[in-house]
C-alpha atoms as a PDB file:
ATOM      1  CA  MET A   1      18.296  -8.834  31.887  1.00  0.00           C
ATOM      2  CA  ALA A   2      17.888  -7.913  35.553  1.00  0.00           C
ATOM      3  CA  GLU A   3      14.736  -9.088  37.267  1.00  0.00           C
ATOM      4  CA  LEU A   4      12.982  -7.262  40.087  1.00  0.00           C
ATOM      5  CA  ASP A   5      14.734  -7.222  43.429  1.00  0.00           C
ATOM      6  CA  ARG A   6      12.781  -7.548  46.654  1.00  0.00           C
ATOM      7  CA  ASP A   7      12.337  -3.796  47.084  1.00  0.00           C
ATOM      8  CA  ASP A   8      10.925  -3.458  43.577  1.00  0.00           C
ATOM      9  CA  GLN A   9       8.636  -6.442  44.117  1.00  0.00           C
ATOM     10  CA  ALA A  10       7.234  -4.877  47.284  1.00  0.00           C
ATOM     11  CA  PHE A  11       6.826  -1.539  45.535  1.00  0.00           C
ATOM     12  CA  VAL A  12       5.010  -3.106  42.570  1.00  0.00           C
ATOM     13  CA  ALA A  13       2.724  -4.904  44.999  1.00  0.00           C
ATOM     14  CA  ARG A  14       1.801  -1.558  46.575  1.00  0.00           C
ATOM     15  CA  LEU A  15       1.126  -0.066  43.149  1.00  0.00           C
ATOM     16  CA  ARG A  16      -1.118  -2.983  42.194  1.00  0.00           C
ATOM     17  CA  GLN A  17      -3.070  -2.480  45.399  1.00  0.00           C
ATOM     18  CA  GLY A  18      -3.819   1.086  44.340  1.00  0.00           C
ATOM     19  CA  ASP A  19      -1.486   2.751  46.832  1.00  0.00           C
ATOM     20  CA  GLU A  20      -1.651   6.415  45.799  1.00  0.00           C
ATOM     21  CA  ALA A  21       1.391   7.371  47.872  1.00  0.00           C
ATOM     22  CA  ALA A  22       3.460   4.746  46.057  1.00  0.00           C
ATOM     23  CA  PHE A  23       2.380   6.043  42.670  1.00  0.00           C
ATOM     24  CA  ALA A  24       3.115   9.639  43.715  1.00  0.00           C
ATOM     25  CA  ALA A  25       6.595   8.532  44.815  1.00  0.00           C
ATOM     26  CA  LEU A  26       7.107   6.785  41.486  1.00  0.00           C
ATOM     27  CA  ILE A  27       6.206   9.953  39.613  1.00  0.00           C
ATOM     28  CA  ASP A  28       8.539  12.043  41.772  1.00  0.00           C
ATOM     29  CA  ARG A  29      11.340   9.558  41.122  1.00  0.00           C
ATOM     30  CA  HIS A  30      11.083   9.332  37.332  1.00  0.00           C
ATOM     31  CA  HIS A  31       8.962  12.140  35.874  1.00  0.00           C
ATOM     32  CA  GLY A  32      11.810  14.562  35.202  1.00  0.00           C
ATOM     33  CA  ALA A  33      13.985  11.926  33.522  1.00  0.00           C
ATOM     34  CA  LEU A  34      11.042  10.663  31.456  1.00  0.00           C
ATOM     35  CA  ARG A  35      10.369  14.171  30.191  1.00  0.00           C
ATOM     36  CA  ARG A  36      14.044  14.737  29.385  1.00  0.00           C
ATOM     37  CA  LEU A  37      14.289  11.494  27.444  1.00  0.00           C
ATOM     38  CA  ALA A  38      10.983  12.073  25.637  1.00  0.00           C
ATOM     39  CA  ARG A  39      12.289  15.430  24.457  1.00  0.00           C
ATOM     40  CA  THR A  40      15.078  13.674  22.527  1.00  0.00           C
ATOM     41  CA  PHE A  41      12.454  12.070  20.264  1.00  0.00           C
ATOM     42  CA  VAL A  42       9.927  14.876  19.763  1.00  0.00           C
ATOM     43  CA  SER A  43      10.076  18.473  18.621  1.00  0.00           C
ATOM     44  CA  SER A  44       8.583  20.403  21.529  1.00  0.00           C
ATOM     45  CA  ASP A  45       8.168  20.455  25.290  1.00  0.00           C
ATOM     46  CA  ALA A  46       4.406  20.152  24.834  1.00  0.00           C
ATOM     47  CA  ALA A  47       4.825  16.968  22.799  1.00  0.00           C
ATOM     48  CA  ALA A  48       7.196  15.574  25.433  1.00  0.00           C
ATOM     49  CA  ASP A  49       4.644  16.308  28.165  1.00  0.00           C
ATOM     50  CA  GLU A  50       1.974  14.498  26.153  1.00  0.00           C
ATOM     51  CA  VAL A  51       4.215  11.452  25.744  1.00  0.00           C
ATOM     52  CA  VAL A  52       5.009  11.370  29.461  1.00  0.00           C
ATOM     53  CA  GLN A  53       1.327  11.640  30.377  1.00  0.00           C
ATOM     54  CA  ASP A  54       0.504   8.776  28.006  1.00  0.00           C
ATOM     55  CA  THR A  55       3.335   6.772  29.573  1.00  0.00           C
ATOM     56  CA  TRP A  56       1.984   7.141  33.094  1.00  0.00           C
ATOM     57  CA  VAL A  57      -1.473   6.092  31.922  1.00  0.00           C
ATOM     58  CA  ALA A  58       0.067   3.037  30.246  1.00  0.00           C
ATOM     59  CA  VAL A  59       1.993   2.204  33.421  1.00  0.00           C
ATOM     60  CA  LEU A  60      -1.207   2.230  35.467  1.00  0.00           C
ATOM     61  CA  ASP A  61      -3.044   0.163  32.873  1.00  0.00           C
ATOM     62  CA  GLY A  62      -0.181  -2.312  32.492  1.00  0.00           C
ATOM     63  CA  LEU A  63       0.738  -3.008  36.097  1.00  0.00           C
ATOM     64  CA  SER A  64      -1.524  -6.045  36.260  1.00  0.00           C
ATOM     65  CA  THR A  65       0.270  -7.639  33.298  1.00  0.00           C
ATOM     66  CA  PHE A  66       3.816  -6.511  34.145  1.00  0.00           C
ATOM     67  CA  GLU A  67       5.792  -9.766  34.047  1.00  0.00           C
ATOM     68  CA  GLU A  68       8.678  -8.518  36.223  1.00  0.00           C
ATOM     69  CA  ARG A  69      11.351  -9.765  33.832  1.00  0.00           C
ATOM     70  CA  SER A  70      13.115  -6.412  34.031  1.00  0.00           C
ATOM     71  CA  SER A  71      13.405  -3.706  36.651  1.00  0.00           C
ATOM     72  CA  LEU A  72      10.399  -1.443  37.139  1.00  0.00           C
ATOM     73  CA  LYS A  73      12.482   1.496  35.924  1.00  0.00           C
ATOM     74  CA  THR A  74      13.459  -0.279  32.710  1.00  0.00           C
ATOM     75  CA  TRP A  75       9.855  -1.271  32.021  1.00  0.00           C
ATOM     76  CA  ILE A  76       8.576   2.287  32.500  1.00  0.00           C
ATOM     77  CA  PHE A  77      11.245   3.840  30.301  1.00  0.00           C
ATOM     78  CA  ARG A  78      10.694   1.281  27.542  1.00  0.00           C
ATOM     79  CA  ILE A  79       7.037   2.318  27.478  1.00  0.00           C
ATOM     80  CA  LEU A  80       8.161   5.939  27.234  1.00  0.00           C
ATOM     81  CA  VAL A  81      10.618   5.256  24.408  1.00  0.00           C
ATOM     82  CA  ASN A  82       8.025   3.340  22.365  1.00  0.00           C
ATOM     83  CA  ARG A  83       5.479   6.140  22.685  1.00  0.00           C
ATOM     84  CA  ALA A  84       8.029   8.874  22.072  1.00  0.00           C
ATOM     85  CA  ARG A  85       9.305   7.166  18.923  1.00  0.00           C
ATOM     86  CA  THR A  86       5.761   6.812  17.601  1.00  0.00           C
ATOM     87  CA  LYS A  87       5.094  10.472  18.323  1.00  0.00           C
ATOM     88  CA  GLY A  88       8.361  11.478  16.666  1.00  0.00           C
ATOM     89  CA  VAL A  89       7.536   9.496  13.528  1.00  0.00           C
ATOM     90  CA  ARG A  90       4.137  11.168  13.290  1.00  0.00           C
ATOM     91  CA  GLU A  91       5.766  14.574  13.626  1.00  0.00           C
ATOM     92  CA  ALA A  92       8.330  13.723  10.946  1.00  0.00           C
ATOM     93  CA  ARG A  93       5.548  12.933   8.471  1.00  0.00           C
ATOM     94  CA  THR A  94       4.461  16.565   8.631  1.00  0.00           C
ATOM     95  CA  VAL A  95       7.958  17.840   7.723  1.00  0.00           C
ATOM     96  CA  PRO A  96       8.618  18.368   3.975  1.00  0.00           C
ATOM     97  CA  MET A  97      11.255  15.971   2.673  1.00  0.00           C
ATOM     98  CA  SER A  98      13.182  18.911   1.181  1.00  0.00           C
ATOM     99  CA  SER A  99      13.775  20.295   4.679  1.00  0.00           C
ATOM    100  CA  MET A 100      15.123  17.054   6.121  1.00  0.00           C
ATOM    101  CA  GLY A 101      18.861  16.551   6.170  1.00  0.00           C
ATOM    102  CA  SER A 102      20.715  13.271   5.795  1.00  0.00           C
ATOM    103  CA  ASP A 103      21.537  11.764   9.175  1.00  0.00           C
ATOM    104  CA  ASP A 104      22.748   8.239   8.578  1.00  0.00           C
ATOM    105  CA  GLU A 105      23.932   7.238  12.048  1.00  0.00           C
ATOM    106  CA  ASP A 106      25.335   3.952  10.787  1.00  0.00           C
ATOM    107  CA  ALA A 107      27.572   5.513   8.140  1.00  0.00           C
ATOM    108  CA  PRO A 108      31.290   5.572   8.994  1.00  0.00           C
ATOM    109  CA  GLU A 109      32.524   8.968  10.087  1.00  0.00           C
ATOM    110  CA  PRO A 110      35.901  10.274  11.252  1.00  0.00           C
ATOM    111  CA  VAL A 111      36.352  10.965  14.928  1.00  0.00           C
ATOM    112  CA  VAL A 112      38.086  14.267  14.106  1.00  0.00           C
ATOM    113  CA  ASP A 113      37.529  16.546  11.104  1.00  0.00           C
ATOM    114  CA  ALA A 114      40.337  16.066   8.571  1.00  0.00           C
ATOM    115  CA  ALA A 115      40.629  19.867   8.293  1.00  0.00           C
ATOM    116  CA  ARG A 116      42.164  19.865  11.786  1.00  0.00           C
ATOM    117  CA  PHE A 117      45.410  18.391  10.325  1.00  0.00           C
ATOM    118  CA  ASP A 118      48.041  19.972   8.063  1.00  0.00           C
ATOM    119  CA  GLY A 119      49.657  18.400   4.985  1.00  0.00           C
ATOM    120  CA  ARG A 120      52.079  16.431   7.150  1.00  0.00           C
ATOM    121  CA  GLY A 121      49.278  14.911   9.197  1.00  0.00           C
ATOM    122  CA  MET A 122      50.095  17.089  12.218  1.00  0.00           C
ATOM    123  CA  TRP A 123      47.555  19.093  14.219  1.00  0.00           C
ATOM    124  CA  SER A 124      46.873  22.486  12.674  1.00  0.00           C
ATOM    125  CA  ALA A 125      44.288  23.192  15.384  1.00  0.00           C
ATOM    126  CA  PRO A 126      44.868  20.928  18.408  1.00  0.00           C
ATOM    127  CA  PRO A 127      41.741  19.963  20.353  1.00  0.00           C
ATOM    128  CA  GLN A 128      41.146  21.528  23.715  1.00  0.00           C
ATOM    129  CA  ARG A 129      41.473  19.320  26.788  1.00  0.00           C
ATOM    130  CA  TRP A 130      38.273  17.239  27.039  1.00  0.00           C
ATOM    131  CA  GLU A 131      38.844  15.023  30.063  1.00  0.00           C
ATOM    132  CA  SER A 132      37.642  17.821  32.340  1.00  0.00           C
ATOM    133  CA  ASP A 133      35.033  19.042  29.858  1.00  0.00           C
ATOM    134  CA  THR A 134      32.736  16.050  29.440  1.00  0.00           C
ATOM    135  CA  PRO A 135      29.130  16.845  28.449  1.00  0.00           C
ATOM    136  CA  SER A 136      27.914  15.941  31.939  1.00  0.00           C
ATOM    137  CA  LYS A 137      30.271  18.469  33.550  1.00  0.00           C
ATOM    138  CA  LEU A 138      29.494  21.127  30.967  1.00  0.00           C
ATOM    139  CA  LEU A 139      25.833  20.805  31.884  1.00  0.00           C
ATOM    140  CA  LEU A 140      26.747  22.230  35.270  1.00  0.00           C
ATOM    141  CA  ARG A 141      28.150  25.417  33.768  1.00  0.00           C
ATOM    142  CA  LYS A 142      25.351  27.906  33.427  1.00  0.00           C
ATOM    143  CA  GLU A 143      26.951  29.837  30.595  1.00  0.00           C
ATOM    144  CA  LEU A 144      27.106  26.706  28.419  1.00  0.00           C
ATOM    145  CA  VAL A 145      23.802  25.048  29.269  1.00  0.00           C
ATOM    146  CA  GLY A 146      21.863  26.680  26.447  1.00  0.00           C
ATOM    147  CA  GLU A 147      24.575  26.045  23.862  1.00  0.00           C
ATOM    148  CA  LEU A 148      24.975  22.418  24.903  1.00  0.00           C
ATOM    149  CA  GLU A 149      21.208  21.859  24.758  1.00  0.00           C
ATOM    150  CA  ARG A 150      21.140  23.276  21.229  1.00  0.00           C
ATOM    151  CA  ALA A 151      24.083  21.068  20.252  1.00  0.00           C
ATOM    152  CA  ILE A 152      22.384  17.961  21.662  1.00  0.00           C
ATOM    153  CA  ALA A 153      19.212  18.831  19.728  1.00  0.00           C
ATOM    154  CA  GLN A 154      21.210  18.708  16.482  1.00  0.00           C
ATOM    155  CA  LEU A 155      22.402  15.149  17.034  1.00  0.00           C
ATOM    156  CA  PRO A 156      20.744  12.217  15.226  1.00  0.00           C
ATOM    157  CA  GLU A 157      18.002  10.625  17.320  1.00  0.00           C
ATOM    158  CA  ARG A 158      19.811   7.559  18.648  1.00  0.00           C
ATOM    159  CA  GLN A 159      22.983   9.490  19.456  1.00  0.00           C
ATOM    160  CA  ARG A 160      20.887  12.129  21.183  1.00  0.00           C
ATOM    161  CA  SER A 161      19.051   9.576  23.315  1.00  0.00           C
ATOM    162  CA  VAL A 162      22.187   7.703  24.314  1.00  0.00           C
ATOM    163  CA  VAL A 163      24.198  10.770  25.283  1.00  0.00           C
ATOM    164  CA  VAL A 164      21.293  12.229  27.280  1.00  0.00           C
ATOM    165  CA  MET A 165      20.798   8.966  29.166  1.00  0.00           C
ATOM    166  CA  ARG A 166      24.504   8.457  29.844  1.00  0.00           C
ATOM    167  CA  ASP A 167      25.753  11.996  30.442  1.00  0.00           C
ATOM    168  CA  ALA A 168      22.690  13.989  31.509  1.00  0.00           C
ATOM    169  CA  LEU A 169      20.737  11.332  33.423  1.00  0.00           C
ATOM    170  CA  GLY A 170      23.767   9.382  34.615  1.00  0.00           C
ATOM    171  CA  TRP A 171      22.584   5.944  33.489  1.00  0.00           C
ATOM    172  CA  SER A 172      24.890   2.965  33.130  1.00  0.00           C
ATOM    173  CA  SER A 173      25.597   1.471  29.715  1.00  0.00           C
ATOM    174  CA  GLU A 174      23.656  -1.646  30.766  1.00  0.00           C
ATOM    175  CA  GLU A 175      20.554   0.407  31.566  1.00  0.00           C
ATOM    176  CA  VAL A 176      20.762   2.294  28.278  1.00  0.00           C
ATOM    177  CA  CYS A 177      21.150  -0.924  26.286  1.00  0.00           C
ATOM    178  CA  SER A 178      18.171  -2.468  28.061  1.00  0.00           C
ATOM    179  CA  VAL A 179      15.801   0.456  27.530  1.00  0.00           C
ATOM    180  CA  LEU A 180      16.846   1.289  23.955  1.00  0.00           C
ATOM    181  CA  GLU A 181      17.349  -2.386  23.051  1.00  0.00           C
ATOM    182  CA  LEU A 182      20.915  -1.886  21.834  1.00  0.00           C
ATOM    183  CA  ASN A 183      23.894  -4.167  22.154  1.00  0.00           C
ATOM    184  CA  GLU A 184      26.890  -2.872  24.055  1.00  0.00           C
ATOM    185  CA  THR A 185      28.950  -2.215  20.912  1.00  0.00           C
ATOM    186  CA  ASN A 186      26.228  -0.109  19.291  1.00  0.00           C
ATOM    187  CA  GLN A 187      25.691   1.822  22.507  1.00  0.00           C
ATOM    188  CA  ARG A 188      29.388   2.542  22.794  1.00  0.00           C
ATOM    189  CA  VAL A 189      29.674   3.682  19.159  1.00  0.00           C
ATOM    190  CA  LEU A 190      26.613   5.940  19.416  1.00  0.00           C
ATOM    191  CA  LEU A 191      27.901   7.503  22.629  1.00  0.00           C
ATOM    192  CA  HIS A 192      31.367   8.036  21.157  1.00  0.00           C
ATOM    193  CA  ARG A 193      29.961   9.700  18.036  1.00  0.00           C
ATOM    194  CA  ALA A 194      27.617  11.885  20.069  1.00  0.00           C
ATOM    195  CA  ARG A 195      30.382  13.042  22.390  1.00  0.00           C
ATOM    196  CA  SER A 196      32.687  13.720  19.432  1.00  0.00           C
ATOM    197  CA  ARG A 197      30.054  15.831  17.701  1.00  0.00           C
ATOM    198  CA  LEU A 198      29.271  17.732  20.877  1.00  0.00           C
ATOM    199  CA  ARG A 199      32.959  18.363  21.482  1.00  0.00           C
ATOM    200  CA  ALA A 200      33.362  19.773  17.972  1.00  0.00           C
ATOM    201  CA  MET A 201      30.255  21.964  18.273  1.00  0.00           C
ATOM    202  CA  LEU A 202      31.337  23.348  21.629  1.00  0.00           C
ATOM    203  CA  GLU A 203      34.886  23.967  20.447  1.00  0.00           C
ATOM    204  CA  ASN A 204      33.474  25.997  17.572  1.00  0.00           C
ATOM    205  CA  TYR A 205      31.280  27.893  20.020  1.00  0.00           C
ATOM    206  CA  LYS A 206      34.201  28.679  22.324  1.00  0.00           C
ATOM    207  CA  ALA A 207      36.396  29.713  19.401  1.00  0.00           C
ATOM    208  CA  GLY A 208      33.739  32.130  18.197  1.00  0.00           C
ATOM    209  CA  ARG A 209      33.289  33.897  21.524  1.00  0.00           C
END
């Protein structure tokens, strides 16, 4: 786990001294990403805004006890994830069980739908080239932004969070593991499954146009 570097230490010192400019800079640096990540746990933009607001309050309240065993960024986003998960659980309790699907993220699943192969095990519907169509690049295409956002929203929670952090926010696998408290293998599996599901959803979308 990475500890604070000198720049972070100096920045934390300014925050602890009540430097308003430092706190404003911190908000500018992370607010958008916090809101995006919060949205992967809760059902509405309003709920995400509430979680982010609670996170900033907790950051201010917790600066005096921040032990500096991780980067400032990691600490802030862990606070966000904990609050967003709690909010998401509370929301889920209001949803009738009959309307909830089964989303066992740990269950084995094929990378490609078996229906894509013929009786000889050959492709009946070959996949489109994906190397140039990663989720992060598709986000830049205006005509697919809405569809990709809807596809991401349909992913199970942990897959959704991992793929947003890796492909939308551009985080490293180490950062994702640290904030979500995953080991590298789990992070890699969740990201692979998320990307596979998104690829399939977007292929279906393109085929239907």
